């Protein structure tokens, strides 16, 4: 993995000196992270996960083998970090059109749209399905409601005794509504560690069960993350450590007024990795009226919709462009009689070559438009590389949050919408909040 920024944005001695200070700060904050002495240190279990989780892989694979023998589809019920990490890996690593080796993964409980869940229930009536419900407490509204409906359907279809080989609960080790329900039904359970927050949980059973069910090699993913962890812990030169360099560059640009970061890739396979990254950085850094706003685009598609603004709009943004390496299979462009589309000048070139020139053309345009661009280059887009990249982003996020002097491992603001929703729905104990919410409705 390589990481760099255009020299144009480090053209003056003052710029280079400012970046040097950010690099030193990143190194200092990485010591705070590794020694678990910073804010939110009780939620740093993810730091050691790549090494620790290896002992659970066999049990995860056996559980997946058991449910896949019964079902073609796996419904993953979760929201936020409880499903985004798994979906990011599955969408990135699975072929679009080939027959997949594992189960077909469906998702529920990540929103409250009635039409979607009705259609899903209708679809499942005539299919063989299993369920992986993921929730620390079991009371989060979106997944808990979805599980109610899907559990009811599964029980009608398979009987209560038939659910034990079809439902896995990933939840708290000892307490909570989902743990209690799972024990009463006899579902197999896997533990969400107390010291790992949802957005950092892709290497726990939260992420690994759905990824394994999709037919992907979770050992390769974990190995990539483990090697990344070993390197990031040992490399003390922040210019050679991609996590520290990334954190330093982001904060350097933030202090220059670049308050929006756009994650860019040139492959649709990266879409849900971007969604995962957006939660990771938005929920970790957006506190105390601080933080870079994380956004995402997929090029070249979004060059035809968002390209104008990125090129010529307000100069408050910068890009982080992830290059995924050369594909295993390419397409060579052939001649067409009469050249009706005017593309015969491309004859003999490959689709990858054309895409690379689009990348270079975009870089030149955005450089001239004054958009700073951080480039992250991967050798390939294997599960190993995905594990490396995701762990690097997590490590850099912890460092970057400490550089902003916020706690990167809590999310106090998320509770506000929940409290208002509970109050407006008449949940007991929320009467005072309800009175205030109803009074404020007139301001909407």
Foldseek 3Di string as FASTA:
>chain_A
DDKDWDCVQVVDPVLVVLLVVLLVLLLVLLVCLVVLPAFLSLQNPLLCLLPVLVVVQVVLLVLLVLQQVQFQEEEEFDEFLLPLLQVLLLLQAADDPDDFPFHHYHYFLHDDDPVVLVVVLVVCLPGGAAYEYEDAACVPPRRVVSCVVVVVSCCVVQNLLRNQSGYEYEYDPDDHDVVVVCVVSVHHYFYDDPNHDSLSPCSGCSNPNSNVRRVDDVNLLSLLLVVLSVCLVPDSRSNPNVLSSVLSVVVSLVVVQQQEEEEEEQDPSNVSVLVSLQCLQCQQAPPPVDHRHYHYDHPPVCCVPCVCCLLANDQNHAYEYEAAADDPDWAADADDPPCPVVPNVRHGPIPVVVVVVVVVVSVVRSVVSVHMYMYHYDNHSHSSRVSSVVSSSNSSSSSSNVVVVHGRRDGVPVVPVVLQVCLCVPPPPSVVVVVVSVVCVVVD
